[in-house]
Amino acid sequence: MTSTTEITAWFNGRLPKEWTEAGAPEITIDRDEITVIITIPAPAVGDGDDGAQAEAVAGRIAGWRDDTKEQRIRIARDAEHRFEPKVAWGVRIDDRVALFTHLAVPTMTRLRQPERQVLDTLIAAGVARSRADALAWCVKLVGEHTDDWLTELRNAIDEVDRIREDGPAAASA
């Protein structure tokens, strides 16, 4: 598998310059998907009306999505051919992120009754529609509350990968 650093470098070299003028892309990678989030400038709305600003942001996002579709498809095909995982795109304007065509990957897990009861409580309370939604909600909540720890853990994994790549090659038979 290609390293996170190599994939990020490839995207930084491949993306059109105008897509990175407002900041470097945020690139998140797992075994199934590469998500590339492009930062674009917020539209100017003069009167400070929050509703008008939200609509202007929605319009800017929709316009960027339409205007860049063909280029994004070409870049995604190149990346998928080179690295294998699917590519998803998104846009960031200030603190709002909109993702386009990202994957919902099934995962298999076995839960004992106490864990299932947690999920079923979330369903009964209307927090989630299904156990899958409830589990996704729990994972999101844990991610939000342990972000620093998870970031540190991911960095440690990246360092192990780097050290492994720099190590001696396995003896060939």
N, C-alpha and C. Protein backbone atom coordinates (compact mmCIF):
# COMPACT_ATOMS: atom_id res chain seq x y z
N MET A 1 0.84 -1.19 0.00
CA MET A 1 0.00 0.00 0.00
C MET A 1 0.88 1.24 0.00
N THR A 2 0.47 2.21 -0.74
CA THR A 2 1.19 3.47 -0.80
C THR A 2 0.97 4.24 0.50
N SER A 3 2.00 4.95 0.96
CA SER A 3 1.90 5.65 2.23
C SER A 3 1.02 6.90 2.11
N THR A 4 0.52 7.33 3.25
CA THR A 4 -0.28 8.54 3.32
C THR A 4 0.49 9.73 2.77
N THR A 5 1.77 9.80 3.10
CA THR A 5 2.61 10.91 2.63
C THR A 5 2.69 10.92 1.10
N GLU A 6 2.85 9.75 0.50
CA GLU A 6 2.96 9.67 -0.96
C GLU A 6 1.63 10.03 -1.63
N ILE A 7 0.54 9.56 -1.09
CA ILE A 7 -0.76 9.88 -1.67
C ILE A 7 -1.04 11.37 -1.55
N THR A 8 -0.77 11.93 -0.38
CA THR A 8 -0.96 13.37 -0.18
C THR A 8 -0.09 14.17 -1.13
N ALA A 9 1.16 13.77 -1.29
CA ALA A 9 2.07 14.47 -2.22
C ALA A 9 1.54 14.39 -3.64
N TRP A 10 1.04 13.24 -4.05
CA TRP A 10 0.51 13.08 -5.40
C TRP A 10 -0.65 14.05 -5.63
N PHE A 11 -1.59 14.10 -4.67
CA PHE A 11 -2.73 15.02 -4.83
C PHE A 11 -2.27 16.47 -4.83
N ASN A 12 -1.32 16.81 -3.95
CA ASN A 12 -0.83 18.19 -3.94
C ASN A 12 -0.21 18.58 -5.27
N GLY A 13 0.43 17.62 -5.94
CA GLY A 13 1.00 17.90 -7.25
C GLY A 13 -0.02 17.85 -8.37
N ARG A 14 -1.08 17.10 -8.21
CA ARG A 14 -2.05 16.86 -9.29
C ARG A 14 -3.19 17.87 -9.30
N LEU A 15 -3.56 18.40 -8.16
CA LEU A 15 -4.70 19.32 -8.11
C LEU A 15 -4.39 20.63 -8.82
N PRO A 16 -5.38 21.19 -9.51
CA PRO A 16 -5.18 22.49 -10.15
C PRO A 16 -4.81 23.56 -9.11
N LYS A 17 -3.93 24.44 -9.50
CA LYS A 17 -3.42 25.47 -8.59
C LYS A 17 -4.55 26.30 -7.97
N GLU A 18 -5.56 26.64 -8.78
CA GLU A 18 -6.64 27.49 -8.26
C GLU A 18 -7.46 26.79 -7.18
N TRP A 19 -7.40 25.47 -7.10
CA TRP A 19 -8.13 24.75 -6.06
C TRP A 19 -7.42 24.85 -4.70
N THR A 20 -6.17 25.22 -4.69
CA THR A 20 -5.40 25.26 -3.44
C THR A 20 -5.04 26.67 -3.01
N GLU A 21 -5.58 27.67 -3.70
CA GLU A 21 -5.25 29.07 -3.36
C GLU A 21 -5.74 29.46 -1.97
N ALA A 22 -6.86 28.89 -1.53
CA ALA A 22 -7.40 29.24 -0.21
C ALA A 22 -6.83 28.35 0.90
N GLY A 23 -5.96 27.42 0.55
CA GLY A 23 -5.36 26.54 1.54
C GLY A 23 -5.12 25.16 0.98
N ALA A 24 -4.23 24.44 1.63
CA ALA A 24 -3.92 23.08 1.20
C ALA A 24 -5.14 22.19 1.38
N PRO A 25 -5.31 21.22 0.51
CA PRO A 25 -6.45 20.31 0.67
C PRO A 25 -6.30 19.45 1.92
N GLU A 26 -7.41 19.07 2.51
CA GLU A 26 -7.42 18.11 3.61
C GLU A 26 -7.61 16.74 2.98
N ILE A 27 -6.66 15.85 3.19
CA ILE A 27 -6.73 14.53 2.58
C ILE A 27 -6.77 13.49 3.68
N THR A 28 -7.83 12.70 3.67
CA THR A 28 -8.02 11.65 4.66
C THR A 28 -8.04 10.32 3.91
N ILE A 29 -7.31 9.34 4.44
CA ILE A 29 -7.13 8.08 3.72
C ILE A 29 -7.42 6.91 4.65
N ASP A 30 -8.21 5.97 4.16
CA ASP A 30 -8.31 4.67 4.81
C ASP A 30 -8.24 3.61 3.72
N ARG A 31 -8.42 2.36 4.07
CA ARG A 31 -8.22 1.29 3.09
C ARG A 31 -9.27 1.30 1.98
N ASP A 32 -10.41 1.97 2.20
CA ASP A 32 -11.49 1.97 1.23
C ASP A 32 -11.62 3.25 0.42
N GLU A 33 -11.14 4.36 0.98
CA GLU A 33 -11.48 5.65 0.38
C GLU A 33 -10.41 6.70 0.67
N ILE A 34 -10.21 7.56 -0.31
CA ILE A 34 -9.39 8.76 -0.15
C ILE A 34 -10.36 9.93 -0.24
N THR A 35 -10.44 10.74 0.79
CA THR A 35 -11.33 11.89 0.78
C THR A 35 -10.49 13.16 0.67
N VAL A 36 -10.81 13.96 -0.33
CA VAL A 36 -10.09 15.21 -0.59
C VAL A 36 -11.06 16.36 -0.37
N ILE A 37 -10.75 17.21 0.60
CA ILE A 37 -11.60 18.36 0.90
C ILE A 37 -10.84 19.62 0.51
N ILE A 38 -11.45 20.38 -0.40
CA ILE A 38 -10.87 21.60 -0.92
C ILE A 38 -11.47 22.78 -0.18
N THR A 39 -10.64 23.70 0.28
CA THR A 39 -11.12 24.92 0.93
C THR A 39 -11.35 25.98 -0.14
N ILE A 40 -12.54 26.55 -0.14
CA ILE A 40 -12.84 27.63 -1.07
C ILE A 40 -13.30 28.85 -0.28
N PRO A 41 -13.11 30.04 -0.84
CA PRO A 41 -13.49 31.24 -0.09
C PRO A 41 -15.00 31.38 0.07
N ALA A 42 -15.38 31.96 1.19
CA ALA A 42 -16.79 32.21 1.45
C ALA A 42 -17.28 33.34 0.57
N PRO A 43 -18.52 33.25 0.13
CA PRO A 43 -19.08 34.35 -0.65
C PRO A 43 -19.35 35.55 0.25
N ALA A 44 -19.26 36.72 -0.31
CA ALA A 44 -19.51 37.94 0.46
C ALA A 44 -21.00 38.27 0.42
N VAL A 45 -21.58 38.40 1.62
CA VAL A 45 -22.96 38.84 1.75
C VAL A 45 -22.92 40.05 2.65
N GLY A 46 -23.26 41.19 2.12
CA GLY A 46 -23.03 42.46 2.79
C GLY A 46 -23.83 42.75 4.04
N ASP A 47 -25.08 42.26 4.16
CA ASP A 47 -25.93 42.73 5.24
C ASP A 47 -25.82 41.93 6.54
N GLY A 48 -25.02 40.87 6.59
CA GLY A 48 -24.82 40.10 7.82
C GLY A 48 -25.98 39.19 8.16
N ASP A 49 -26.94 39.02 7.27
CA ASP A 49 -28.08 38.13 7.49
C ASP A 49 -27.59 36.68 7.44
N ASP A 50 -27.74 35.94 8.56
CA ASP A 50 -27.27 34.55 8.63
C ASP A 50 -27.95 33.66 7.61
N GLY A 51 -29.24 33.85 7.39
CA GLY A 51 -29.96 33.07 6.40
C GLY A 51 -29.44 33.31 5.00
N ALA A 52 -29.18 34.57 4.68
CA ALA A 52 -28.64 34.91 3.36
C ALA A 52 -27.23 34.34 3.21
N GLN A 53 -26.44 34.40 4.26
CA GLN A 53 -25.08 33.84 4.21
C GLN A 53 -25.12 32.34 3.99
N ALA A 54 -26.01 31.64 4.69
CA ALA A 54 -26.13 30.19 4.53
C ALA A 54 -26.53 29.83 3.10
N GLU A 55 -27.44 30.60 2.52
CA GLU A 55 -27.86 30.34 1.14
C GLU A 55 -26.73 30.65 0.16
N ALA A 56 -25.97 31.70 0.43
CA ALA A 56 -24.84 32.04 -0.44
C ALA A 56 -23.79 30.93 -0.39
N VAL A 57 -23.53 30.39 0.80
CA VAL A 57 -22.57 29.28 0.95
C VAL A 57 -23.08 28.05 0.20
N ALA A 58 -24.36 27.73 0.36
CA ALA A 58 -24.94 26.58 -0.35
C ALA A 58 -24.80 26.77 -1.86
N GLY A 59 -25.06 27.97 -2.33
CA GLY A 59 -24.91 28.25 -3.76
C GLY A 59 -23.47 28.15 -4.23
N ARG A 60 -22.55 28.63 -3.43
CA ARG A 60 -21.12 28.54 -3.79
C ARG A 60 -20.69 27.08 -3.87
N ILE A 61 -21.11 26.27 -2.91
CA ILE A 61 -20.76 24.85 -2.90
C ILE A 61 -21.34 24.15 -4.13
N ALA A 62 -22.62 24.40 -4.41
CA ALA A 62 -23.26 23.77 -5.58
C ALA A 62 -22.56 24.19 -6.87
N GLY A 63 -22.22 25.46 -6.98
CA GLY A 63 -21.53 25.95 -8.17
C GLY A 63 -20.16 25.32 -8.33
N TRP A 64 -19.40 25.22 -7.23
CA TRP A 64 -18.07 24.62 -7.31
C TRP A 64 -18.18 23.16 -7.71
N ARG A 65 -19.15 22.47 -7.13
CA ARG A 65 -19.35 21.05 -7.46
C ARG A 65 -19.64 20.87 -8.95
N ASP A 66 -20.55 21.67 -9.48
CA ASP A 66 -20.88 21.57 -10.91
C ASP A 66 -19.72 21.98 -11.80
N ASP A 67 -19.07 23.08 -11.46
CA ASP A 67 -17.99 23.62 -12.30
C ASP A 67 -16.76 22.73 -12.37
N THR A 68 -16.53 21.92 -11.33
CA THR A 68 -15.31 21.11 -11.26
C THR A 68 -15.54 19.63 -11.52
N LYS A 69 -16.76 19.27 -11.84
CA LYS A 69 -17.12 17.85 -11.93
C LYS A 69 -16.22 17.06 -12.88
N GLU A 70 -16.04 17.54 -14.09
CA GLU A 70 -15.24 16.80 -15.07
C GLU A 70 -13.78 16.65 -14.61
N GLN A 71 -13.22 17.71 -14.07
CA GLN A 71 -11.84 17.64 -13.57
C GLN A 71 -11.72 16.68 -12.40
N ARG A 72 -12.68 16.73 -11.48
CA ARG A 72 -12.66 15.83 -10.33
C ARG A 72 -12.75 14.38 -10.77
N ILE A 73 -13.58 14.10 -11.76
CA ILE A 73 -13.71 12.74 -12.26
C ILE A 73 -12.39 12.26 -12.85
N ARG A 74 -11.73 13.10 -13.65
CA ARG A 74 -10.44 12.70 -14.25
C ARG A 74 -9.38 12.45 -13.18
N ILE A 75 -9.30 13.34 -12.21
CA ILE A 75 -8.30 13.18 -11.14
C ILE A 75 -8.61 11.94 -10.32
N ALA A 76 -9.88 11.71 -10.01
CA ALA A 76 -10.27 10.52 -9.23
C ALA A 76 -9.93 9.25 -9.98
N ARG A 77 -10.19 9.21 -11.27
CA ARG A 77 -9.85 8.00 -12.06
C ARG A 77 -8.35 7.75 -12.03
N ASP A 78 -7.56 8.81 -12.21
CA ASP A 78 -6.10 8.66 -12.15
C ASP A 78 -5.67 8.12 -10.79
N ALA A 79 -6.22 8.70 -9.71
CA ALA A 79 -5.85 8.29 -8.36
C ALA A 79 -6.29 6.86 -8.07
N GLU A 80 -7.49 6.50 -8.49
CA GLU A 80 -7.99 5.14 -8.24
C GLU A 80 -7.18 4.11 -9.01
N HIS A 81 -6.74 4.47 -10.20
CA HIS A 81 -5.88 3.57 -10.97
C HIS A 81 -4.52 3.41 -10.28
N ARG A 82 -4.01 4.49 -9.75
CA ARG A 82 -2.69 4.48 -9.12
C ARG A 82 -2.69 3.87 -7.72
N PHE A 83 -3.71 4.20 -6.91
CA PHE A 83 -3.69 3.83 -5.49
C PHE A 83 -4.75 2.80 -5.09
N GLU A 84 -5.77 2.58 -5.88
CA GLU A 84 -6.87 1.64 -5.70
C GLU A 84 -8.07 2.17 -4.91
N PRO A 85 -7.94 2.75 -3.72
CA PRO A 85 -9.16 3.19 -3.04
C PRO A 85 -9.94 4.21 -3.87
N LYS A 86 -11.25 4.23 -3.68
CA LYS A 86 -12.11 5.21 -4.33
C LYS A 86 -11.78 6.60 -3.79
N VAL A 87 -12.07 7.62 -4.60
CA VAL A 87 -11.83 9.00 -4.21
C VAL A 87 -13.16 9.71 -4.00
N ALA A 88 -13.29 10.36 -2.86
CA ALA A 88 -14.46 11.19 -2.56
C ALA A 88 -13.98 12.64 -2.47
N TRP A 89 -14.86 13.54 -2.80
CA TRP A 89 -14.52 14.95 -2.79
C TRP A 89 -15.42 15.71 -1.82
N GLY A 90 -14.89 16.81 -1.32
CA GLY A 90 -15.67 17.69 -0.48
C GLY A 90 -15.14 19.10 -0.57
N VAL A 91 -15.92 20.01 -0.02
CA VAL A 91 -15.56 21.42 -0.01
C VAL A 91 -15.72 21.95 1.41
N ARG A 92 -14.79 22.80 1.82
CA ARG A 92 -14.89 23.49 3.10
C ARG A 92 -15.01 24.98 2.83
N ILE A 93 -16.02 25.58 3.45
CA ILE A 93 -16.16 27.03 3.50
C ILE A 93 -16.30 27.38 4.97
N ASP A 94 -15.32 28.06 5.50
CA ASP A 94 -15.26 28.37 6.93
C ASP A 94 -15.41 27.06 7.72
N ASP A 95 -16.46 26.92 8.55
CA ASP A 95 -16.60 25.70 9.34
C ASP A 95 -17.58 24.70 8.73
N ARG A 96 -18.09 25.00 7.55
CA ARG A 96 -19.03 24.07 6.89
C ARG A 96 -18.28 23.19 5.90
N VAL A 97 -18.53 21.88 5.99
CA VAL A 97 -17.94 20.92 5.05
C VAL A 97 -19.08 20.19 4.36
N ALA A 98 -19.01 20.13 3.04
CA ALA A 98 -19.97 19.36 2.25
C ALA A 98 -19.21 18.29 1.50
N LEU A 99 -19.59 17.02 1.69
CA LEU A 99 -18.94 15.90 1.00
C LEU A 99 -19.80 15.47 -0.18
N PHE A 100 -19.13 15.08 -1.27
CA PHE A 100 -19.81 14.61 -2.47
C PHE A 100 -19.50 13.13 -2.66
N THR A 101 -20.51 12.35 -2.94
CA THR A 101 -20.40 10.94 -3.32
C THR A 101 -19.37 10.16 -2.51
N HIS A 102 -19.41 10.26 -1.22
CA HIS A 102 -18.50 9.48 -0.39
C HIS A 102 -19.14 8.14 -0.04
N LEU A 103 -18.29 7.19 0.29
CA LEU A 103 -18.74 5.82 0.52
C LEU A 103 -19.37 5.63 1.89
N ALA A 104 -20.32 4.73 1.93
CA ALA A 104 -20.84 4.19 3.19
C ALA A 104 -20.47 2.71 3.13
N VAL A 105 -19.41 2.35 3.82
CA VAL A 105 -18.85 1.01 3.72
C VAL A 105 -19.43 0.13 4.81
N PRO A 106 -19.96 -1.04 4.44
CA PRO A 106 -20.47 -1.94 5.47
C PRO A 106 -19.34 -2.51 6.31
N THR A 107 -19.60 -2.64 7.59
CA THR A 107 -18.63 -3.28 8.48
C THR A 107 -19.35 -4.39 9.23
N MET A 108 -18.63 -5.39 9.57
CA MET A 108 -19.21 -6.53 10.27
C MET A 108 -18.69 -6.50 11.71
N THR A 109 -19.60 -6.63 12.64
CA THR A 109 -19.20 -6.68 14.03
C THR A 109 -20.16 -7.57 14.80
N ARG A 110 -19.70 -8.10 15.87
CA ARG A 110 -20.55 -8.90 16.75
C ARG A 110 -20.64 -8.14 18.08
N LEU A 111 -21.85 -7.91 18.49
CA LEU A 111 -22.07 -7.19 19.74
C LEU A 111 -22.81 -8.07 20.72
N ARG A 112 -22.43 -7.96 21.97
CA ARG A 112 -23.13 -8.67 23.03
C ARG A 112 -24.35 -7.84 23.44
N GLN A 113 -25.19 -8.43 24.24
CA GLN A 113 -26.46 -7.80 24.58
C GLN A 113 -26.31 -6.39 25.17
N PRO A 114 -25.37 -6.13 26.10
CA PRO A 114 -25.28 -4.76 26.63
C PRO A 114 -25.00 -3.71 25.54
N GLU A 115 -24.14 -4.04 24.57
CA GLU A 115 -23.85 -3.11 23.47
C GLU A 115 -25.08 -2.95 22.56
N ARG A 116 -25.79 -4.05 22.30
CA ARG A 116 -27.00 -3.98 21.47
C ARG A 116 -28.07 -3.13 22.16
N GLN A 117 -28.13 -3.23 23.49
CA GLN A 117 -29.12 -2.44 24.23
C GLN A 117 -28.83 -0.94 24.11
N VAL A 118 -27.56 -0.59 24.08
CA VAL A 118 -27.21 0.83 23.87
C VAL A 118 -27.74 1.29 22.52
N LEU A 119 -27.50 0.50 21.49
CA LEU A 119 -27.96 0.87 20.15
C LEU A 119 -29.48 0.93 20.10
N ASP A 120 -30.14 -0.05 20.71
CA ASP A 120 -31.60 -0.08 20.70
C ASP A 120 -32.21 1.08 21.47
N THR A 121 -31.54 1.54 22.52
CA THR A 121 -32.00 2.71 23.26
C THR A 121 -31.95 3.95 22.37
N LEU A 122 -30.88 4.09 21.60
CA LEU A 122 -30.77 5.23 20.68
C LEU A 122 -31.87 5.20 19.63
N ILE A 123 -32.23 4.00 19.18
CA ILE A 123 -33.31 3.86 18.21
C ILE A 123 -34.65 4.24 18.86
N ALA A 124 -34.90 3.70 20.04
CA ALA A 124 -36.16 3.97 20.75
C ALA A 124 -36.33 5.45 21.06
N ALA A 125 -35.22 6.13 21.30
CA ALA A 125 -35.27 7.56 21.62
C ALA A 125 -35.35 8.44 20.38
N GLY A 126 -35.28 7.82 19.21
CA GLY A 126 -35.36 8.61 17.98
C GLY A 126 -34.06 9.25 17.56
N VAL A 127 -32.98 8.89 18.22
CA VAL A 127 -31.66 9.42 17.87
C VAL A 127 -31.17 8.78 16.57
N ALA A 128 -31.53 7.52 16.36
CA ALA A 128 -31.10 6.78 15.18
C ALA A 128 -32.27 5.97 14.64
N ARG A 129 -32.21 5.65 13.33
CA ARG A 129 -33.28 4.88 12.69
C ARG A 129 -33.03 3.38 12.75
N SER A 130 -31.77 3.00 12.88
CA SER A 130 -31.42 1.58 12.84
C SER A 130 -30.18 1.36 13.70
N ARG A 131 -29.85 0.10 13.90
CA ARG A 131 -28.62 -0.19 14.64
C ARG A 131 -27.40 0.34 13.90
N ALA A 132 -27.42 0.27 12.58
CA ALA A 132 -26.29 0.80 11.81
C ALA A 132 -26.15 2.30 12.04
N ASP A 133 -27.26 3.04 11.99
CA ASP A 133 -27.22 4.48 12.26
C ASP A 133 -26.76 4.77 13.69
N ALA A 134 -27.26 3.96 14.64
CA ALA A 134 -26.88 4.16 16.04
C ALA A 134 -25.39 3.91 16.23
N LEU A 135 -24.87 2.88 15.60
CA LEU A 135 -23.45 2.60 15.71
C LEU A 135 -22.62 3.71 15.09
N ALA A 136 -23.05 4.21 13.93
CA ALA A 136 -22.35 5.33 13.29
C ALA A 136 -22.37 6.56 14.20
N TRP A 137 -23.51 6.81 14.85
CA TRP A 137 -23.63 7.93 15.78
C TRP A 137 -22.64 7.78 16.93
N CYS A 138 -22.54 6.56 17.48
CA CYS A 138 -21.61 6.31 18.59
C CYS A 138 -20.16 6.52 18.15
N VAL A 139 -19.82 6.01 16.99
CA VAL A 139 -18.45 6.17 16.48
C VAL A 139 -18.14 7.65 16.29
N LYS A 140 -19.08 8.40 15.73
CA LYS A 140 -18.87 9.84 15.52
C LYS A 140 -18.67 10.56 16.86
N LEU A 141 -19.48 10.21 17.84
CA LEU A 141 -19.37 10.83 19.16
C LEU A 141 -18.03 10.53 19.81
N VAL A 142 -17.60 9.29 19.75
CA VAL A 142 -16.29 8.92 20.30
C VAL A 142 -15.19 9.69 19.57
N GLY A 143 -15.29 9.76 18.23
CA GLY A 143 -14.29 10.49 17.45
C GLY A 143 -14.19 11.96 17.85
N GLU A 144 -15.34 12.59 18.10
CA GLU A 144 -15.35 14.00 18.50
C GLU A 144 -14.72 14.21 19.87
N HIS A 145 -14.92 13.27 20.77
CA HIS A 145 -14.45 13.44 22.14
C HIS A 145 -13.05 12.89 22.39
N THR A 146 -12.50 12.20 21.43
CA THR A 146 -11.15 11.65 21.60
C THR A 146 -10.27 12.01 20.41
N ASP A 147 -10.58 13.12 19.74
CA ASP A 147 -9.88 13.50 18.52
C ASP A 147 -8.37 13.63 18.72
N ASP A 148 -7.93 14.27 19.80
CA ASP A 148 -6.49 14.42 20.04
C ASP A 148 -5.81 13.06 20.20
N TRP A 149 -6.44 12.19 20.97
CA TRP A 149 -5.88 10.85 21.18
C TRP A 149 -5.83 10.07 19.87
N LEU A 150 -6.91 10.11 19.09
CA LEU A 150 -6.93 9.41 17.81
C LEU A 150 -5.89 9.96 16.84
N THR A 151 -5.71 11.27 16.85
CA THR A 151 -4.69 11.89 16.00
C THR A 151 -3.30 11.41 16.40
N GLU A 152 -3.04 11.37 17.69
CA GLU A 152 -1.75 10.88 18.18
C GLU A 152 -1.54 9.41 17.78
N LEU A 153 -2.59 8.63 17.90
CA LEU A 153 -2.51 7.21 17.53
C LEU A 153 -2.25 7.05 16.03
N ARG A 154 -2.94 7.82 15.20
CA ARG A 154 -2.72 7.77 13.74
C ARG A 154 -1.30 8.18 13.39
N ASN A 155 -0.79 9.20 14.05
CA ASN A 155 0.58 9.63 13.81
C ASN A 155 1.57 8.54 14.17
N ALA A 156 1.31 7.84 15.26
CA ALA A 156 2.19 6.74 15.66
C ALA A 156 2.15 5.62 14.62
N ILE A 157 0.97 5.32 14.10
CA ILE A 157 0.85 4.29 13.06
C ILE A 157 1.62 4.72 11.81
N ASP A 158 1.50 5.99 11.43
CA ASP A 158 2.25 6.49 10.27
C ASP A 158 3.75 6.35 10.49
N GLU A 159 4.21 6.62 11.71
CA GLU A 159 5.64 6.51 12.02
C GLU A 159 6.08 5.05 11.93
N VAL A 160 5.26 4.12 12.43
CA VAL A 160 5.59 2.70 12.31
C VAL A 160 5.68 2.31 10.84
N ASP A 161 4.74 2.77 10.03
CA ASP A 161 4.78 2.48 8.59
C ASP A 161 6.05 3.02 7.95
N ARG A 162 6.44 4.24 8.33
CA ARG A 162 7.65 4.84 7.77
C ARG A 162 8.88 4.03 8.16
N ILE A 163 8.97 3.65 9.42
CA ILE A 163 10.11 2.87 9.90
C ILE A 163 10.14 1.50 9.20
N ARG A 164 8.98 0.90 9.04
CA ARG A 164 8.90 -0.39 8.36
C ARG A 164 9.41 -0.26 6.91
N GLU A 165 9.00 0.80 6.21
CA GLU A 165 9.43 1.01 4.83
C GLU A 165 10.95 1.25 4.74
N ASP A 166 11.52 1.90 5.75
CA ASP A 166 12.95 2.17 5.75
C ASP A 166 13.80 0.99 6.19
N GLY A 167 13.14 -0.04 6.71
CA GLY A 167 13.87 -1.22 7.24
C GLY A 167 14.43 -2.09 6.13
N PRO A 168 15.14 -3.10 6.53
CA PRO A 168 15.74 -4.01 5.54
C PRO A 168 14.67 -4.77 4.77
N ALA A 169 14.97 -5.05 3.51
CA ALA A 169 14.01 -5.79 2.68
C ALA A 169 14.02 -7.25 3.13
N ALA A 170 12.87 -7.90 2.97
CA ALA A 170 12.77 -9.31 3.34
C ALA A 170 13.62 -10.14 2.37
N ALA A 171 14.25 -11.16 2.88
CA ALA A 171 15.10 -12.02 2.05
C ALA A 171 14.21 -12.73 1.03
N SER A 172 14.63 -12.71 -0.22
CA SER A 172 13.84 -13.39 -1.26
C SER A 172 14.32 -14.81 -1.41
N ALA A 173 13.38 -15.70 -1.63
CA ALA A 173 13.70 -17.12 -1.70
C ALA A 173 14.07 -17.55 -3.10
